[in-house]
Protein backbone atom coordinates (compact mmCIF):
# COMPACT_ATOMS: atom_id res chain seq x y z
CA MET A 1 -61.91 -24.68 -17.76
CA ILE A 2 -60.16 -25.85 -14.50
CA ASP A 3 -56.57 -26.40 -15.42
CA SER A 4 -54.68 -25.84 -12.20
CA LEU A 5 -55.01 -25.80 -8.42
CA ALA A 6 -55.04 -22.01 -8.65
CA SER A 7 -58.30 -22.11 -10.78
CA ARG A 8 -61.17 -20.16 -9.46
CA ILE A 9 -64.89 -20.21 -10.18
CA MET A 10 -66.86 -16.89 -10.59
CA LEU A 11 -70.15 -16.84 -8.76
CA ASN A 12 -73.40 -14.98 -9.66
CA ASN A 13 -72.48 -12.39 -7.01
CA GLN A 14 -69.00 -11.81 -8.49
CA THR A 15 -67.18 -13.70 -5.83
CA ALA A 16 -64.30 -16.00 -7.03
CA ILE A 17 -63.80 -19.13 -5.08
CA PRO A 18 -61.28 -21.95 -5.45
CA ALA A 19 -62.36 -24.61 -7.96
CA PHE A 20 -60.83 -27.42 -6.07
CA GLY A 21 -62.05 -28.77 -2.70
CA LEU A 22 -60.31 -29.21 0.50
CA GLY A 23 -60.37 -32.45 2.24
CA VAL A 24 -59.13 -33.13 5.84
CA PHE A 25 -59.94 -36.86 6.31
CA LYS A 26 -57.57 -38.60 8.59
CA VAL A 27 -55.59 -35.41 9.10
CA ASP A 28 -54.61 -34.77 12.82
CA THR A 29 -56.42 -32.20 14.86
CA ILE A 30 -53.72 -29.60 14.90
CA MET A 31 -53.02 -29.92 11.22
CA THR A 32 -56.89 -29.80 10.42
CA ALA A 33 -57.07 -26.39 12.21
CA GLN A 34 -54.10 -25.09 10.26
CA ASN A 35 -55.35 -26.39 7.07
CA VAL A 36 -58.77 -24.98 7.40
CA GLU A 37 -57.32 -21.54 8.46
CA ASP A 38 -55.19 -21.55 5.36
CA ALA A 39 -58.15 -22.65 3.27
CA ILE A 40 -60.32 -19.68 4.60
CA SER A 41 -57.40 -17.44 3.74
CA ALA A 42 -57.27 -18.74 0.31
CA GLY A 43 -60.85 -18.01 -0.32
CA TYR A 44 -62.65 -21.36 0.65
CA ARG A 45 -66.05 -20.84 2.16
CA ARG A 46 -67.42 -24.30 2.40
CA SER A 47 -66.14 -27.33 4.37
CA GLY A 48 -67.01 -30.79 4.77
CA LEU A 49 -65.78 -31.34 8.31
CA VAL A 50 -67.70 -34.45 9.41
CA SER A 51 -65.70 -35.85 12.48
CA PHE A 52 -66.23 -34.52 15.89
CA ASN A 53 -62.50 -34.00 16.31
CA ALA A 54 -62.20 -31.80 13.36
CA ARG A 55 -65.17 -29.71 14.50
CA SER A 56 -64.02 -29.43 18.12
CA CYS A 57 -60.51 -28.19 17.07
CA LEU A 58 -62.11 -25.26 15.20
CA GLY A 59 -64.08 -24.11 18.14
């Protein structure tokens, strides 16, 4: 059961990932880069970055 922002889901390979997604729609370029770095540190392994600006600020 997902009951908090700290909830994690266990994958078949025994890796735990955050249960909630990260959105960066309409977030400025500098904040997007920082948010994505923080998300990776927290265990996120998938992103839905669709704007060119979001992709370009990440390298």
